[in-house]
Amino acid sequence: MSYSSHSHQTMKLVYDDTVAVLTLSRPDAMNAMNSQFFADFRDVLSELSQEENPARALFITAEGKGFCAGADLKDQAGEMPPDLGKSLRENYNPLIMGLRKLPMPTLVAVNGAAAGAGMSLVCACDIAIAADQAYFLQAFVNIALIPDAGSTYFLPRMIGRARAASMMMLGEKLAADQALEYGLISKVIKQDDLISEGMVIARKLAIMPTQALFSIRKLLDSSEKNTLEQQLEVEATAQQVAGHSEDFMEGVMAFLEKRPAVFKGK
């Protein structure tokens, strides 16, 4: 398989050395998720998951004024009422799980509105930054639906139950600076500098010890349900694996030789 930059109908995948840059590209529809979006995202995740793929970090952003408006309601046209549970199981849930299982760190740069499942996509990434003009919206209740695509899992853990309940039940916008205060994102950046500053972070992630970063994600996830004793054992098991990696040996040698480490993600 060739890992050159290429475009899908709803998104573009570009390789910048070991950074895979995925740009959502349905700006006229606020990058809303339709059937083609899910097909394209599946292809991207499949490509990035290949062992020989050179990418060591995924950077997600979007074209236009919005990041992602969530479900494309025009795509729901047809039999009423629609089988939304089937749609979630076949499209949204595999997208979220595929992103969480991707063996590399993920960074998302939110350039505008992140609403509904678009906000869930943001929450599923390891690190999120946002433009000063961006906002976040749990839009589901505004059309008499419940939050999905992992929102009820991610949000209470990220910002606490009270704030999550407020966002979900009131369906009101959360500005970027408030999202930073809540702990939903890690940084607010001026709109014009969002992509360039995001690439700086993505390139740093791409030269870090990739397997260790993937393990950190899994450890953070497991800490939500484990007791302290259980988490200590999970850490010990993960550390045992990390201690046998090539990157660990490189890190030790670089420290002893007083030079920067050159990690290979192995």
C-alpha atoms as a PDB file:
ATOM      1  CA  MET A   1       0.000   0.000   0.000  1.00  0.00           C
ATOM      2  CA  SER A   2       1.198   3.507  -0.868  1.00  0.00           C
ATOM      3  CA  TYR A   3       0.963   6.063   1.916  1.00  0.00           C
ATOM      4  CA  SER A   4       0.876   9.241  -0.142  1.00  0.00           C
ATOM      5  CA  SER A   5      -1.456  12.150   0.475  1.00  0.00           C
ATOM      6  CA  HIS A   6      -4.927  11.702  -1.011  1.00  0.00           C
ATOM      7  CA  SER A   7      -8.464  13.013  -0.860  1.00  0.00           C
ATOM      8  CA  HIS A   8     -11.709  11.269  -0.043  1.00  0.00           C
ATOM      9  CA  GLN A   9     -15.080  12.810  -0.817  1.00  0.00           C
ATOM     10  CA  THR A  10     -15.559  14.263   2.663  1.00  0.00           C
ATOM     11  CA  MET A  11     -12.016  14.530   4.019  1.00  0.00           C
ATOM     12  CA  LYS A  12      -8.369  14.797   3.011  1.00  0.00           C
ATOM     13  CA  LEU A  13      -5.445  12.810   4.394  1.00  0.00           C
ATOM     14  CA  VAL A  14      -2.005  14.359   4.039  1.00  0.00           C
ATOM     15  CA  TYR A  15       1.278  12.987   5.340  1.00  0.00           C
ATOM     16  CA  ASP A  16       3.709  15.520   6.776  1.00  0.00           C
ATOM     17  CA  ASP A  17       6.667  13.232   7.488  1.00  0.00           C
ATOM     18  CA  THR A  18       5.363  11.103  10.394  1.00  0.00           C
ATOM     19  CA  VAL A  19       2.283  13.252  11.074  1.00  0.00           C
ATOM     20  CA  ALA A  20      -0.960  12.221   9.382  1.00  0.00           C
ATOM     21  CA  VAL A  21      -3.085  15.338   8.903  1.00  0.00           C
ATOM     22  CA  LEU A  22      -6.786  14.605   8.440  1.00  0.00           C
ATOM     23  CA  THR A  23      -8.871  17.579   7.302  1.00  0.00           C
ATOM     24  CA  LEU A  24     -12.653  17.295   7.266  1.00  0.00           C
ATOM     25  CA  SER A  25     -13.712  18.849   3.965  1.00  0.00           C
ATOM     26  CA  ARG A  26     -17.481  19.344   3.744  1.00  0.00           C
ATOM     27  CA  PRO A  27     -17.397  23.051   4.655  1.00  0.00           C
ATOM     28  CA  ASP A  28     -20.749  23.832   2.988  1.00  0.00           C
ATOM     29  CA  ALA A  29     -22.396  21.334   5.350  1.00  0.00           C
ATOM     30  CA  MET A  30     -20.334  22.325   8.408  1.00  0.00           C
ATOM     31  CA  ASN A  31     -18.527  18.988   7.931  1.00  0.00           C
ATOM     32  CA  ALA A  32     -21.621  17.134   9.086  1.00  0.00           C
ATOM     33  CA  MET A  33     -21.452  13.344   9.231  1.00  0.00           C
ATOM     34  CA  ASN A  34     -23.265  11.520   6.429  1.00  0.00           C
ATOM     35  CA  SER A  35     -22.926   7.972   5.091  1.00  0.00           C
ATOM     36  CA  GLN A  36     -19.964   8.955   2.904  1.00  0.00           C
ATOM     37  CA  PHE A  37     -18.248  10.586   5.882  1.00  0.00           C
ATOM     38  CA  PHE A  38     -18.346   7.310   7.797  1.00  0.00           C
ATOM     39  CA  ALA A  39     -17.101   5.322   4.799  1.00  0.00           C
ATOM     40  CA  ASP A  40     -14.218   7.750   4.342  1.00  0.00           C
ATOM     41  CA  PHE A  41     -13.338   7.750   8.042  1.00  0.00           C
ATOM     42  CA  ARG A  42     -13.299   3.943   8.081  1.00  0.00           C
ATOM     43  CA  ASP A  43     -10.852   3.963   5.161  1.00  0.00           C
ATOM     44  CA  VAL A  44      -8.620   6.474   6.934  1.00  0.00           C
ATOM     45  CA  LEU A  45      -8.570   4.511  10.198  1.00  0.00           C
ATOM     46  CA  SER A  46      -7.862   1.285   8.310  1.00  0.00           C
ATOM     47  CA  GLU A  47      -4.926   2.892   6.507  1.00  0.00           C
ATOM     48  CA  LEU A  48      -3.472   4.426   9.664  1.00  0.00           C
ATOM     49  CA  SER A  49      -3.783   1.124  11.524  1.00  0.00           C
ATOM     50  CA  GLN A  50      -1.538  -0.733   9.068  1.00  0.00           C
ATOM     51  CA  GLU A  51       1.690  -1.800  10.762  1.00  0.00           C
ATOM     52  CA  GLU A  52       3.823  -0.381   7.959  1.00  0.00           C
ATOM     53  CA  ASN A  53       2.098   3.013   7.979  1.00  0.00           C
ATOM     54  CA  PRO A  54       4.739   5.715   8.665  1.00  0.00           C
ATOM     55  CA  ALA A  55       2.454   7.988  10.723  1.00  0.00           C
ATOM     56  CA  ARG A  56       3.179   8.292  14.437  1.00  0.00           C
ATOM     57  CA  ALA A  57       0.584  10.956  15.234  1.00  0.00           C
ATOM     58  CA  LEU A  58      -2.822  11.921  13.837  1.00  0.00           C
ATOM     59  CA  PHE A  59      -3.785  15.592  13.613  1.00  0.00           C
ATOM     60  CA  ILE A  60      -7.461  16.276  12.858  1.00  0.00           C
ATOM     61  CA  THR A  61      -8.839  19.628  11.764  1.00  0.00           C
ATOM     62  CA  ALA A  62     -11.479  20.950   9.376  1.00  0.00           C
ATOM     63  CA  GLU A  63     -12.175  23.325   6.517  1.00  0.00           C
ATOM     64  CA  GLY A  64     -14.610  26.210   6.728  1.00  0.00           C
ATOM     65  CA  LYS A  65     -16.122  28.045   9.661  1.00  0.00           C
ATOM     66  CA  GLY A  66     -17.146  24.969  11.629  1.00  0.00           C
ATOM     67  CA  PHE A  67     -15.360  21.861  12.840  1.00  0.00           C
ATOM     68  CA  CYS A  68     -18.245  19.385  12.684  1.00  0.00           C
ATOM     69  CA  ALA A  69     -21.989  19.890  13.098  1.00  0.00           C
ATOM     70  CA  GLY A  70     -22.551  16.259  14.052  1.00  0.00           C
ATOM     71  CA  ALA A  71     -25.088  14.114  12.242  1.00  0.00           C
ATOM     72  CA  ASP A  72     -26.226  15.304   8.828  1.00  0.00           C
ATOM     73  CA  LEU A  73     -29.995  15.386   9.345  1.00  0.00           C
ATOM     74  CA  LYS A  74     -30.525  15.473   5.580  1.00  0.00           C
ATOM     75  CA  ASP A  75     -28.937  12.024   5.481  1.00  0.00           C
ATOM     76  CA  GLN A  76     -31.677  10.770   7.839  1.00  0.00           C
ATOM     77  CA  ALA A  77     -34.397  11.281   5.225  1.00  0.00           C
ATOM     78  CA  GLY A  78     -36.433   8.155   4.564  1.00  0.00           C
ATOM     79  CA  GLU A  79     -38.541   5.922   6.725  1.00  0.00           C
ATOM     80  CA  MET A  80     -39.869   7.607   9.855  1.00  0.00           C
ATOM     81  CA  PRO A  81     -39.182   7.113  12.626  1.00  0.00           C
ATOM     82  CA  PRO A  82     -35.567   6.271  11.738  1.00  0.00           C
ATOM     83  CA  ASP A  83     -33.651   3.428  13.396  1.00  0.00           C
ATOM     84  CA  LEU A  84     -31.107   5.626  15.150  1.00  0.00           C
ATOM     85  CA  GLY A  85     -29.818   2.769  17.293  1.00  0.00           C
ATOM     86  CA  LYS A  86     -28.823   0.887  14.144  1.00  0.00           C
ATOM     87  CA  SER A  87     -27.125   3.988  12.770  1.00  0.00           C
ATOM     88  CA  LEU A  88     -25.109   4.388  15.960  1.00  0.00           C
ATOM     89  CA  ARG A  89     -24.038   0.751  16.036  1.00  0.00           C
ATOM     90  CA  GLU A  90     -23.045   0.699  12.365  1.00  0.00           C
ATOM     91  CA  ASN A  91     -21.467   4.135  11.959  1.00  0.00           C
ATOM     92  CA  TYR A  92     -20.844   6.335  14.999  1.00  0.00           C
ATOM     93  CA  ASN A  93     -19.747   3.711  17.508  1.00  0.00           C
ATOM     94  CA  PRO A  94     -17.160   2.075  15.182  1.00  0.00           C
ATOM     95  CA  LEU A  95     -15.760   5.546  14.407  1.00  0.00           C
ATOM     96  CA  ILE A  96     -15.263   6.391  18.082  1.00  0.00           C
ATOM     97  CA  MET A  97     -13.867   2.963  18.984  1.00  0.00           C
ATOM     98  CA  GLY A  98     -11.596   2.948  15.937  1.00  0.00           C
ATOM     99  CA  LEU A  99     -10.171   6.306  16.949  1.00  0.00           C
ATOM    100  CA  ARG A 100      -9.598   5.140  20.534  1.00  0.00           C
ATOM    101  CA  LYS A 101      -7.844   1.979  19.323  1.00  0.00           C
ATOM    102  CA  LEU A 102      -5.586   3.795  16.870  1.00  0.00           C
ATOM    103  CA  PRO A 103      -2.005   2.953  17.953  1.00  0.00           C
ATOM    104  CA  MET A 104      -0.773   6.556  17.890  1.00  0.00           C
ATOM    105  CA  PRO A 105      -1.575   9.793  19.727  1.00  0.00           C
ATOM    106  CA  THR A 106      -4.420  11.890  18.350  1.00  0.00           C
ATOM    107  CA  LEU A 107      -4.647  15.680  18.381  1.00  0.00           C
ATOM    108  CA  VAL A 108      -7.674  17.684  17.259  1.00  0.00           C
ATOM    109  CA  ALA A 109      -7.760  21.392  16.432  1.00  0.00           C
ATOM    110  CA  VAL A 110     -11.302  22.773  16.671  1.00  0.00           C
ATOM    111  CA  ASN A 111     -11.637  25.707  14.297  1.00  0.00           C
ATOM    112  CA  GLY A 112     -15.322  26.478  14.874  1.00  0.00           C
ATOM    113  CA  ALA A 113     -18.521  24.826  16.016  1.00  0.00           C
ATOM    114  CA  ALA A 114     -18.197  21.267  17.376  1.00  0.00           C
ATOM    115  CA  ALA A 115     -21.769  20.094  17.902  1.00  0.00           C
ATOM    116  CA  GLY A 116     -23.464  16.801  18.700  1.00  0.00           C
ATOM    117  CA  ALA A 117     -21.410  13.838  17.521  1.00  0.00           C
ATOM    118  CA  GLY A 118     -18.852  16.352  16.240  1.00  0.00           C
ATOM    119  CA  MET A 119     -18.182  17.219  19.863  1.00  0.00           C
ATOM    120  CA  SER A 120     -18.000  13.508  20.670  1.00  0.00           C
ATOM    121  CA  LEU A 121     -15.296  13.191  18.013  1.00  0.00           C
ATOM    122  CA  VAL A 122     -13.315  15.912  19.777  1.00  0.00           C
ATOM    123  CA  CYS A 123     -13.712  14.179  23.143  1.00  0.00           C
ATOM    124  CA  ALA A 124     -12.451  10.894  21.696  1.00  0.00           C
ATOM    125  CA  CYS A 125      -9.070  12.413  20.811  1.00  0.00           C
ATOM    126  CA  ASP A 126      -6.140  12.405  23.229  1.00  0.00           C
ATOM    127  CA  ILE A 127      -5.469  16.147  23.104  1.00  0.00           C
ATOM    128  CA  ALA A 128      -7.812  18.926  21.978  1.00  0.00           C
ATOM    129  CA  ILE A 129      -7.010  22.549  21.226  1.00  0.00           C
ATOM    130  CA  ALA A 130      -9.417  25.164  19.910  1.00  0.00           C
ATOM    131  CA  ALA A 131      -9.521  28.506  18.165  1.00  0.00           C
ATOM    132  CA  ASP A 132     -10.706  31.457  20.226  1.00  0.00           C
ATOM    133  CA  GLN A 133     -13.841  31.597  18.043  1.00  0.00           C
ATOM    134  CA  ALA A 134     -14.717  27.912  18.494  1.00  0.00           C
ATOM    135  CA  TYR A 135     -17.576  26.650  20.598  1.00  0.00           C
ATOM    136  CA  PHE A 136     -18.954  23.313  21.776  1.00  0.00           C
ATOM    137  CA  LEU A 137     -22.578  22.220  21.849  1.00  0.00           C
ATOM    138  CA  GLN A 138     -24.411  19.140  23.078  1.00  0.00           C
ATOM    139  CA  ALA A 139     -27.141  19.726  20.521  1.00  0.00           C
ATOM    140  CA  PHE A 140     -29.049  16.461  20.947  1.00  0.00           C
ATOM    141  CA  VAL A 141     -31.720  17.653  23.391  1.00  0.00           C
ATOM    142  CA  ASN A 142     -32.668  20.492  21.025  1.00  0.00           C
ATOM    143  CA  ILE A 143     -34.210  17.877  18.708  1.00  0.00           C
ATOM    144  CA  ALA A 144     -35.458  15.668  21.570  1.00  0.00           C
ATOM    145  CA  LEU A 145     -32.605  13.145  21.413  1.00  0.00           C
ATOM    146  CA  ILE A 146     -30.092  11.960  23.999  1.00  0.00           C
ATOM    147  CA  PRO A 147     -26.314  12.483  23.718  1.00  0.00           C
ATOM    148  CA  ASP A 148     -24.569   9.671  21.871  1.00  0.00           C
ATOM    149  CA  ALA A 149     -21.299   8.677  20.158  1.00  0.00           C
ATOM    150  CA  GLY A 150     -19.685   8.428  23.586  1.00  0.00           C
ATOM    151  CA  SER A 151     -20.725  11.829  24.938  1.00  0.00           C
ATOM    152  CA  THR A 152     -22.291  10.405  28.100  1.00  0.00           C
ATOM    153  CA  TYR A 153     -19.056   8.463  28.706  1.00  0.00           C
ATOM    154  CA  PHE A 154     -16.483  11.139  27.945  1.00  0.00           C
ATOM    155  CA  LEU A 155     -18.044  14.342  29.246  1.00  0.00           C
ATOM    156  CA  PRO A 156     -18.702  13.437  32.908  1.00  0.00           C
ATOM    157  CA  ARG A 157     -15.134  12.148  33.152  1.00  0.00           C
ATOM    158  CA  MET A 158     -13.675  15.240  31.513  1.00  0.00           C
ATOM    159  CA  ILE A 159     -15.667  18.067  33.086  1.00  0.00           C
ATOM    160  CA  GLY A 160     -17.653  16.453  35.921  1.00  0.00           C
ATOM    161  CA  ARG A 161     -21.259  15.299  36.183  1.00  0.00           C
ATOM    162  CA  ALA A 162     -22.795  18.669  37.065  1.00  0.00           C
ATOM    163  CA  ARG A 163     -21.300  20.498  34.101  1.00  0.00           C
ATOM    164  CA  ALA A 164     -21.973  17.588  31.769  1.00  0.00           C
ATOM    165  CA  ALA A 165     -25.622  17.478  32.856  1.00  0.00           C
ATOM    166  CA  SER A 166     -25.934  21.216  32.298  1.00  0.00           C
ATOM    167  CA  MET A 167     -24.498  21.017  28.784  1.00  0.00           C
ATOM    168  CA  MET A 168     -26.609  18.002  27.845  1.00  0.00           C
ATOM    169  CA  MET A 169     -29.920  19.095  29.364  1.00  0.00           C
ATOM    170  CA  LEU A 170     -29.844  22.782  28.458  1.00  0.00           C
ATOM    171  CA  GLY A 171     -28.309  22.408  24.999  1.00  0.00           C
ATOM    172  CA  GLU A 172     -26.418  25.691  25.246  1.00  0.00           C
ATOM    173  CA  LYS A 173     -23.150  26.681  23.579  1.00  0.00           C
ATOM    174  CA  LEU A 174     -19.893  26.496  25.496  1.00  0.00           C
ATOM    175  CA  ALA A 175     -17.319  29.037  24.336  1.00  0.00           C
ATOM    176  CA  ALA A 176     -13.670  28.054  23.869  1.00  0.00           C
ATOM    177  CA  ASP A 177     -12.421  29.930  26.932  1.00  0.00           C
ATOM    178  CA  GLN A 178     -15.082  28.246  29.083  1.00  0.00           C
ATOM    179  CA  ALA A 179     -14.175  24.858  27.575  1.00  0.00           C
ATOM    180  CA  LEU A 180     -10.584  25.495  28.630  1.00  0.00           C
ATOM    181  CA  GLU A 181     -11.687  26.345  32.181  1.00  0.00           C
ATOM    182  CA  TYR A 182     -13.815  23.182  32.298  1.00  0.00           C
ATOM    183  CA  GLY A 183     -10.920  20.985  31.168  1.00  0.00           C
ATOM    184  CA  LEU A 184     -12.553  19.961  27.886  1.00  0.00           C
ATOM    185  CA  ILE A 185      -9.605  21.311  25.880  1.00  0.00           C
ATOM    186  CA  SER A 186      -5.996  22.030  26.792  1.00  0.00           C
ATOM    187  CA  LYS A 187      -5.352  25.285  24.943  1.00  0.00           C
ATOM    188  CA  VAL A 188      -7.100  28.213  23.227  1.00  0.00           C
ATOM    189  CA  ILE A 189      -5.279  29.670  20.227  1.00  0.00           C
ATOM    190  CA  LYS A 190      -5.943  32.644  17.959  1.00  0.00           C
ATOM    191  CA  GLN A 191      -7.924  31.556  14.905  1.00  0.00           C
ATOM    192  CA  ASP A 192      -5.179  32.441  12.405  1.00  0.00           C
ATOM    193  CA  ASP A 193      -2.540  30.521  14.359  1.00  0.00           C
ATOM    194  CA  LEU A 194      -4.549  27.373  15.101  1.00  0.00           C
ATOM    195  CA  ILE A 195      -3.159  25.090  12.392  1.00  0.00           C
ATOM    196  CA  SER A 196       0.465  26.212  12.642  1.00  0.00           C
ATOM    197  CA  GLU A 197       0.508  25.854  16.432  1.00  0.00           C
ATOM    198  CA  GLY A 198      -1.363  22.571  16.153  1.00  0.00           C
ATOM    199  CA  MET A 199       1.286  21.234  13.787  1.00  0.00           C
ATOM    200  CA  VAL A 200       3.996  22.113  16.308  1.00  0.00           C
ATOM    201  CA  ILE A 201       2.243  19.940  18.888  1.00  0.00           C
ATOM    202  CA  ALA A 202       1.547  17.161  16.373  1.00  0.00           C
ATOM    203  CA  ARG A 203       5.185  17.041  15.251  1.00  0.00           C
ATOM    204  CA  LYS A 204       6.316  16.825  18.859  1.00  0.00           C
ATOM    205  CA  LEU A 205       3.935  13.929  19.477  1.00  0.00           C
ATOM    206  CA  ALA A 206       5.245  12.204  16.349  1.00  0.00           C
ATOM    207  CA  ILE A 207       8.834  12.087  17.636  1.00  0.00           C
ATOM    208  CA  MET A 208       7.859  10.855  21.100  1.00  0.00           C
ATOM    209  CA  PRO A 209       7.935   7.137  22.048  1.00  0.00           C
ATOM    210  CA  THR A 210       4.708   6.107  20.300  1.00  0.00           C
ATOM    211  CA  GLN A 211       4.091   2.868  22.196  1.00  0.00           C
ATOM    212  CA  ALA A 212       4.445   4.675  25.514  1.00  0.00           C
ATOM    213  CA  LEU A 213       1.904   7.307  24.428  1.00  0.00           C
ATOM    214  CA  PHE A 214      -0.552   4.597  23.379  1.00  0.00           C
ATOM    215  CA  SER A 215      -0.091   2.913  26.769  1.00  0.00           C
ATOM    216  CA  ILE A 216      -0.688   6.209  28.563  1.00  0.00           C
ATOM    217  CA  ARG A 217      -4.065   6.498  26.794  1.00  0.00           C
ATOM    218  CA  LYS A 218      -5.046   2.989  27.877  1.00  0.00           C
ATOM    219  CA  LEU A 219      -3.897   3.624  31.449  1.00  0.00           C
ATOM    220  CA  LEU A 220      -5.918   6.825  31.683  1.00  0.00           C
ATOM    221  CA  ASP A 221      -8.961   4.954  30.420  1.00  0.00           C
ATOM    222  CA  SER A 222      -8.543   2.090  32.874  1.00  0.00           C
ATOM    223  CA  SER A 223      -8.058   4.437  35.818  1.00  0.00           C
ATOM    224  CA  GLU A 224     -11.690   5.515  35.509  1.00  0.00           C
ATOM    225  CA  LYS A 225     -12.965   2.136  36.698  1.00  0.00           C
ATOM    226  CA  ASN A 226     -10.062   0.565  38.612  1.00  0.00           C
ATOM    227  CA  THR A 227      -9.353   0.686  42.308  1.00  0.00           C
ATOM    228  CA  LEU A 228      -5.948   2.049  43.311  1.00  0.00           C
ATOM    229  CA  GLU A 229      -4.676  -1.481  43.843  1.00  0.00           C
ATOM    230  CA  GLN A 230      -5.896  -2.577  40.423  1.00  0.00           C
ATOM    231  CA  GLN A 231      -4.410   0.465  38.724  1.00  0.00           C
ATOM    232  CA  LEU A 232      -1.043  -0.082  40.377  1.00  0.00           C
ATOM    233  CA  GLU A 233      -0.975  -3.596  38.908  1.00  0.00           C
ATOM    234  CA  VAL A 234      -2.014  -2.339  35.476  1.00  0.00           C
ATOM    235  CA  GLU A 235       0.808   0.206  35.635  1.00  0.00           C
ATOM    236  CA  ALA A 236       3.298  -2.490  36.613  1.00  0.00           C
ATOM    237  CA  THR A 237       2.263  -4.680  33.680  1.00  0.00           C
ATOM    238  CA  ALA A 238       2.453  -1.783  31.217  1.00  0.00           C
ATOM    239  CA  GLN A 239       5.803  -0.656  32.601  1.00  0.00           C
ATOM    240  CA  GLN A 240       7.199  -4.162  32.227  1.00  0.00           C
ATOM    241  CA  VAL A 241       6.321  -4.043  28.522  1.00  0.00           C
ATOM    242  CA  ALA A 242       7.689  -0.507  28.132  1.00  0.00           C
ATOM    243  CA  GLY A 243      10.962  -1.559  29.741  1.00  0.00           C
ATOM    244  CA  HIS A 244      11.565  -4.024  26.899  1.00  0.00           C
ATOM    245  CA  SER A 245      11.052  -1.470  24.122  1.00  0.00           C
ATOM    246  CA  GLU A 246      13.775  -0.141  21.852  1.00  0.00           C
ATOM    247  CA  ASP A 247      12.695   3.403  22.709  1.00  0.00           C
ATOM    248  CA  PHE A 248      13.321   2.809  26.419  1.00  0.00           C
ATOM    249  CA  MET A 249      16.886   1.692  25.687  1.00  0.00           C
ATOM    250  CA  GLU A 250      17.372   4.710  23.447  1.00  0.00           C
ATOM    251  CA  GLY A 251      16.006   7.015  26.139  1.00  0.00           C
ATOM    252  CA  VAL A 252      18.386   5.637  28.754  1.00  0.00           C
ATOM    253  CA  MET A 253      21.401   5.826  26.429  1.00  0.00           C
ATOM    254  CA  ALA A 254      20.517   9.373  25.399  1.00  0.00           C
ATOM    255  CA  PHE A 255      20.230  10.398  29.058  1.00  0.00           C
ATOM    256  CA  LEU A 256      23.600   8.856  29.918  1.00  0.00           C
ATOM    257  CA  GLU A 257      25.270  10.342  26.852  1.00  0.00           C
ATOM    258  CA  LYS A 258      23.675  13.748  27.479  1.00  0.00           C
ATOM    259  CA  ARG A 259      22.058  14.000  24.036  1.00  0.00           C
ATOM    260  CA  PRO A 260      18.492  14.227  22.711  1.00  0.00           C
ATOM    261  CA  ALA A 261      16.803  10.871  22.334  1.00  0.00           C
ATOM    262  CA  VAL A 262      15.814   9.704  18.862  1.00  0.00           C
ATOM    263  CA  PHE A 263      12.727   7.565  19.339  1.00  0.00           C
ATOM    264  CA  LYS A 264      11.488   5.248  16.599  1.00  0.00           C
ATOM    265  CA  GLY A 265       8.136   4.278  18.040  1.00  0.00           C
ATOM    266  CA  LYS A 266       9.315   0.712  18.707  1.00  0.00           C
END
